[in-house]
Amino acid sequence: MNQVERYARFLRWTLVRERVRSYLPWGLVFSLLVGSSLKEFSPLPESYFSNKRNVFNVYFVKLAWAWTFCLLLPFIALTNYHLTGKTLLVLQRLFTLLVGTVIWYVCTTIFSSVEHYTGSCYQSPALEGMRKEHQSKQQCLSSGGFWHGFDISGHCFLLTFCALMIVEEMSVLHEVKTDRSHHFHTTITTLVVALGSLTFIWLWMFLCTTVYFHNMYQKVCGTVFGLLGWYGTYKFWYLKSFSPGLPPQGSSLNLKQDSHKK
């Protein structure tokens, strides 16, 4: 348990710091540019992570929103109730997960539509021998063809959005004080370790995506959608009164507690 505690403290010292939250979006953009440049001008040798069937891609990235949703749900509920003691405020904050689900669904639907309307079916992966008779990606693939369109990187979008959302929600740990002998401390520590590990997986797989997959324009578009999803919520809408709000912190938390006491 001591090793778990030390790892949890390391995560608090890194991901929870305000400076890290401020620079992480820029770090993602920097990784995007460096990784994409390597792919375009100096491709790296094939590796385990260049194989789409690697365990992290199959069992984590393809289910990125499910993992993020399922771990943030108890984390937000427990930490926010611990700080405010108000069920309605907890439900209001959990609404962020519904908002995130809508963003995920809308963006992936847009990506699929763009690929459909800009694509064509070919007989080989070398984009030779166009098959005029197939008008959709599903028909093309089922007949043994290869669909080629503008494939906006869903990985870049989702990994960017999920990593930034987790880090924003983990900022509440600045206010959470727990007794080590209490079961609540063990639960929160476990969730912190799980969410922190998940964030590092998202960041690593984002870098692998930039290095091995898609072209630069597709990755830029995907990353921009992820950044806009994060910025439009946590840096704009959630600052308004008619929103799920930000994680309770500092003076805003004290004001809420005082108002509820009255």
Protein backbone atom coordinates (compact mmCIF):
# COMPACT_ATOMS: atom_id res chain seq x y z
CA MET A 1 0.00 0.00 0.00
CA ASN A 2 2.95 2.32 0.65
CA GLN A 3 3.94 2.14 -3.02
CA VAL A 4 0.38 3.00 -4.05
CA GLU A 5 0.42 5.96 -1.65
CA ARG A 6 3.71 7.19 -3.07
CA TYR A 7 2.41 6.89 -6.62
CA ALA A 8 -0.77 8.77 -5.66
CA ARG A 9 1.36 11.56 -4.14
CA PHE A 10 3.42 11.69 -7.32
CA LEU A 11 0.24 12.07 -9.37
CA ARG A 12 -0.98 14.84 -7.07
CA TRP A 13 2.36 16.60 -7.46
CA THR A 14 2.24 16.37 -11.26
CA LEU A 15 -1.23 16.20 -12.80
CA VAL A 16 -3.02 18.20 -10.09
CA ARG A 17 -0.73 21.23 -10.20
CA GLU A 18 -2.19 24.34 -11.77
CA ARG A 19 0.93 24.90 -13.86
CA VAL A 20 0.60 21.43 -15.38
CA ARG A 21 -3.05 22.07 -16.25
CA SER A 22 -2.06 25.35 -17.89
CA TYR A 23 0.74 23.91 -20.02
CA LEU A 24 -0.76 20.53 -20.92
CA PRO A 25 -2.75 21.84 -23.94
CA TRP A 26 0.43 23.43 -25.29
CA GLY A 27 2.31 20.21 -24.61
CA LEU A 28 -0.22 18.32 -26.70
CA VAL A 29 0.13 20.79 -29.56
CA PHE A 30 3.93 20.52 -29.35
CA SER A 31 3.72 16.69 -29.39
CA LEU A 32 1.38 16.88 -32.37
CA LEU A 33 3.79 19.01 -34.39
CA VAL A 34 6.91 17.02 -33.47
CA GLY A 35 5.28 13.62 -33.97
CA SER A 36 3.67 14.61 -37.25
CA SER A 37 6.93 16.08 -38.53
CA LEU A 38 8.74 12.84 -37.73
CA LYS A 39 6.12 10.83 -39.60
CA GLU A 40 6.28 13.10 -42.64
CA PHE A 41 10.02 13.72 -42.92
CA SER A 42 11.83 11.06 -40.87
CA PRO A 43 9.57 8.06 -40.20
CA LEU A 44 10.49 5.93 -37.20
CA PRO A 45 10.97 2.16 -37.55
CA GLU A 46 7.96 -0.06 -37.06
CA SER A 47 7.34 -1.00 -33.44
CA TYR A 48 4.77 -2.65 -31.20
CA PHE A 49 2.88 0.64 -30.99
CA SER A 50 2.71 1.05 -34.76
CA ASN A 51 0.53 -2.08 -34.85
CA LYS A 52 -3.14 -1.15 -34.47
CA ARG A 53 -3.70 -4.45 -32.67
CA ASN A 54 -1.48 -3.51 -29.72
CA VAL A 55 -3.16 -4.06 -26.36
CA PHE A 56 -3.35 -0.37 -25.45
CA ASN A 57 -5.10 0.52 -28.69
CA VAL A 58 -7.54 -2.39 -28.64
CA TYR A 59 -8.51 -2.38 -24.97
CA PHE A 60 -7.97 1.25 -23.98
CA VAL A 61 -7.95 3.78 -26.82
CA LYS A 62 -10.89 2.28 -28.69
CA LEU A 63 -12.83 2.47 -25.41
CA ALA A 64 -11.28 5.75 -24.27
CA TRP A 65 -14.52 7.54 -23.45
CA ALA A 66 -15.94 4.49 -21.64
CA TRP A 67 -12.82 4.26 -19.43
CA THR A 68 -12.85 8.01 -18.75
CA PHE A 69 -16.58 8.06 -18.00
CA CYS A 70 -16.54 5.04 -15.68
CA LEU A 71 -13.62 6.31 -13.58
CA LEU A 72 -14.67 9.96 -13.43
CA LEU A 73 -18.22 9.07 -12.35
CA PRO A 74 -17.32 7.78 -8.86
CA PHE A 75 -14.44 10.26 -8.52
CA ILE A 76 -16.62 13.32 -9.16
CA ALA A 77 -19.47 11.96 -7.04
CA LEU A 78 -17.31 11.13 -4.01
CA THR A 79 -15.01 14.17 -4.00
CA ASN A 80 -17.77 16.69 -4.67
CA TYR A 81 -20.07 15.18 -2.03
CA HIS A 82 -17.16 15.08 0.43
CA LEU A 83 -16.57 18.81 -0.07
CA THR A 84 -20.13 20.12 -0.37
CA GLY A 85 -22.35 17.50 1.25
CA LYS A 86 -25.09 18.44 -1.22
CA THR A 87 -26.61 15.81 -3.49
CA LEU A 88 -27.98 18.38 -5.95
CA LEU A 89 -24.54 19.94 -6.40
CA VAL A 90 -23.08 16.50 -7.03
CA LEU A 91 -25.73 15.74 -9.65
CA GLN A 92 -25.07 19.13 -11.25
CA ARG A 93 -21.35 18.35 -11.51
CA LEU A 94 -22.01 14.85 -12.84
CA PHE A 95 -23.83 16.53 -15.71
CA THR A 96 -20.33 17.23 -17.10
CA LEU A 97 -20.16 13.55 -18.05
CA LEU A 98 -23.36 13.85 -20.05
CA VAL A 99 -21.94 16.94 -21.77
CA GLY A 100 -18.74 15.02 -22.53
CA THR A 101 -20.77 12.13 -23.97
CA VAL A 102 -22.65 14.52 -26.26
CA ILE A 103 -19.36 16.09 -27.42
CA TRP A 104 -17.90 12.63 -28.09
CA TYR A 105 -20.97 11.49 -30.04
CA VAL A 106 -21.37 14.66 -32.12
CA CYS A 107 -17.68 14.88 -33.03
CA THR A 108 -17.32 11.22 -33.99
CA THR A 109 -20.50 11.50 -36.07
CA ILE A 110 -19.05 14.53 -37.86
CA PHE A 111 -15.77 12.68 -38.50
CA SER A 112 -17.62 9.70 -39.96
CA SER A 113 -19.71 11.94 -42.23
CA VAL A 114 -16.65 13.82 -43.48
CA GLU A 115 -14.87 10.56 -44.32
CA HIS A 116 -17.99 9.29 -46.11
CA TYR A 117 -18.60 12.38 -48.26
CA THR A 118 -14.93 12.86 -49.17
CA GLY A 119 -14.17 9.19 -49.81
CA SER A 120 -14.06 6.75 -52.68
CA CYS A 121 -13.73 2.97 -52.90
CA TYR A 122 -10.56 1.45 -54.38
CA GLN A 123 -9.53 -2.10 -55.24
CA SER A 124 -6.17 -1.89 -53.48
CA PRO A 125 -4.59 0.05 -50.60
CA ALA A 126 -2.39 1.75 -53.19
CA LEU A 127 -5.58 3.64 -54.25
CA GLU A 128 -5.73 1.96 -57.65
CA GLY A 129 -8.80 0.80 -59.54
CA MET A 130 -11.67 2.90 -58.25
CA ARG A 131 -14.92 0.99 -57.69
CA LYS A 132 -17.66 3.30 -58.86
CA GLU A 133 -20.48 0.98 -57.79
CA HIS A 134 -19.89 1.35 -54.05
CA GLN A 135 -21.30 4.50 -52.51
CA SER A 136 -20.55 3.90 -48.82
CA LYS A 137 -17.62 2.80 -46.69
CA GLN A 138 -19.54 -0.19 -45.33
CA GLN A 139 -20.38 -1.49 -48.81
CA CYS A 140 -16.83 -0.93 -49.95
CA LEU A 141 -15.20 -2.81 -47.08
CA SER A 142 -17.71 -5.66 -47.15
CA SER A 143 -16.88 -6.26 -50.83
CA GLY A 144 -13.14 -6.37 -50.14
CA GLY A 145 -12.38 -2.82 -51.25
CA PHE A 146 -10.46 -0.01 -49.56
CA TRP A 147 -12.20 3.24 -48.64
CA HIS A 148 -10.13 6.40 -48.83
CA GLY A 149 -11.45 9.73 -47.58
CA PHE A 150 -10.44 12.56 -45.25
CA ASP A 151 -10.21 10.54 -42.04
CA ILE A 152 -10.08 13.07 -39.18
CA SER A 153 -8.15 11.45 -36.34
CA GLY A 154 -10.69 10.33 -33.77
CA HIS A 155 -7.80 9.17 -31.59
CA CYS A 156 -6.24 12.65 -31.47
CA PHE A 157 -9.62 14.18 -30.67
CA LEU A 158 -10.63 11.76 -27.95
CA LEU A 159 -7.24 11.37 -26.26
CA THR A 160 -6.85 15.16 -26.12
CA PHE A 161 -10.34 15.73 -24.75
CA CYS A 162 -10.19 12.87 -22.21
CA ALA A 163 -6.74 13.77 -20.86
CA LEU A 164 -7.65 17.43 -20.39
CA MET A 165 -11.00 16.58 -18.80
CA ILE A 166 -9.42 14.19 -16.28
CA VAL A 167 -6.78 16.74 -15.29
CA GLU A 168 -9.43 19.45 -14.85
CA GLU A 169 -11.54 17.21 -12.61
CA MET A 170 -8.54 16.05 -10.57
CA SER A 171 -7.85 19.67 -9.60
CA VAL A 172 -10.44 19.17 -6.84
CA LEU A 173 -7.79 17.21 -4.92
CA HIS A 174 -6.34 20.53 -3.75
CA GLU A 175 -9.34 20.77 -1.43
CA VAL A 176 -9.82 17.11 -0.45
CA LYS A 177 -8.37 16.24 2.95
CA THR A 178 -8.81 12.65 4.14
CA ASP A 179 -7.96 10.56 7.18
CA ARG A 180 -5.68 7.68 6.19
CA SER A 181 -7.48 5.36 8.58
CA HIS A 182 -10.80 5.97 6.85
CA HIS A 183 -12.07 3.84 3.96
CA PHE A 184 -12.80 7.03 1.98
CA HIS A 185 -9.06 7.72 1.80
CA THR A 186 -8.40 4.28 0.30
CA THR A 187 -11.17 4.71 -2.27
CA ILE A 188 -10.00 8.16 -3.37
CA THR A 189 -6.36 7.02 -3.52
CA THR A 190 -7.35 4.08 -5.73
CA LEU A 191 -9.32 6.36 -8.06
CA VAL A 192 -6.45 8.86 -8.22
CA VAL A 193 -4.02 6.10 -9.20
CA ALA A 194 -6.45 4.75 -11.81
CA LEU A 195 -7.22 8.17 -13.33
CA GLY A 196 -3.57 9.24 -13.27
CA SER A 197 -2.43 6.03 -14.95
CA LEU A 198 -5.18 6.41 -17.52
CA THR A 199 -4.06 9.97 -18.27
CA PHE A 200 -0.48 8.84 -18.89
CA ILE A 201 -1.78 6.12 -21.22
CA TRP A 202 -3.82 8.72 -23.14
CA LEU A 203 -0.79 11.01 -23.47
CA TRP A 204 1.50 8.19 -24.60
CA MET A 205 -1.00 6.86 -27.13
CA PHE A 206 -1.58 10.40 -28.41
CA LEU A 207 2.15 10.66 -29.12
CA CYS A 208 2.13 7.21 -30.80
CA THR A 209 -0.79 8.32 -32.99
CA THR A 210 1.07 11.43 -34.12
CA VAL A 211 4.19 9.41 -34.95
CA TYR A 212 2.63 6.42 -36.73
CA PHE A 213 -0.86 7.18 -38.06
CA HIS A 214 -2.85 9.60 -40.25
CA ASN A 215 -1.47 12.59 -42.10
CA MET A 216 -0.74 15.92 -40.46
CA TYR A 217 -3.97 17.64 -41.53
CA GLN A 218 -6.12 14.80 -40.17
CA LYS A 219 -4.31 14.86 -36.83
CA VAL A 220 -4.46 18.65 -36.57
CA CYS A 221 -8.22 18.61 -37.17
CA GLY A 222 -8.75 15.90 -34.56
CA THR A 223 -6.64 17.68 -31.97
CA VAL A 224 -8.36 21.00 -32.63
CA PHE A 225 -11.76 19.39 -32.01
CA GLY A 226 -10.45 17.97 -28.71
CA LEU A 227 -9.05 21.32 -27.62
CA LEU A 228 -12.25 23.13 -28.57
CA GLY A 229 -14.33 20.61 -26.63
CA TRP A 230 -12.20 21.21 -23.53
CA TYR A 231 -11.92 24.98 -23.92
CA GLY A 232 -15.59 25.49 -24.75
CA THR A 233 -16.62 23.72 -21.55
CA TYR A 234 -14.02 24.21 -18.80
CA LYS A 235 -12.70 27.58 -19.94
CA PHE A 236 -15.96 29.14 -21.10
CA TRP A 237 -19.35 27.53 -20.43
CA TYR A 238 -18.56 26.05 -17.00
CA LEU A 239 -17.61 29.52 -15.78
CA LYS A 240 -21.24 30.59 -16.25
CA SER A 241 -23.96 30.19 -13.63
CA PHE A 242 -26.20 28.16 -15.97
CA SER A 243 -23.74 25.27 -16.32
CA PRO A 244 -22.51 22.18 -14.45
CA GLY A 245 -19.77 24.39 -13.05
CA LEU A 246 -16.11 23.75 -12.30
CA PRO A 247 -14.78 21.40 -9.60
CA PRO A 248 -15.29 23.06 -6.18
CA GLN A 249 -12.18 24.92 -5.08
CA GLY A 250 -11.02 27.74 -2.82
CA SER A 251 -13.22 30.77 -2.31
CA SER A 252 -16.00 29.48 -4.55
CA LEU A 253 -16.27 26.39 -2.35
CA ASN A 254 -16.41 28.50 0.82
CA LEU A 255 -19.13 30.70 -0.65
CA LYS A 256 -21.22 27.68 -1.57
CA GLN A 257 -20.80 26.14 1.87
CA ASP A 258 -21.74 29.40 3.63
CA SER A 259 -24.81 29.88 1.45
CA HIS A 260 -26.00 26.34 2.17
CA LYS A 261 -25.50 26.80 5.92
CA LYS A 262 -27.73 29.86 5.82
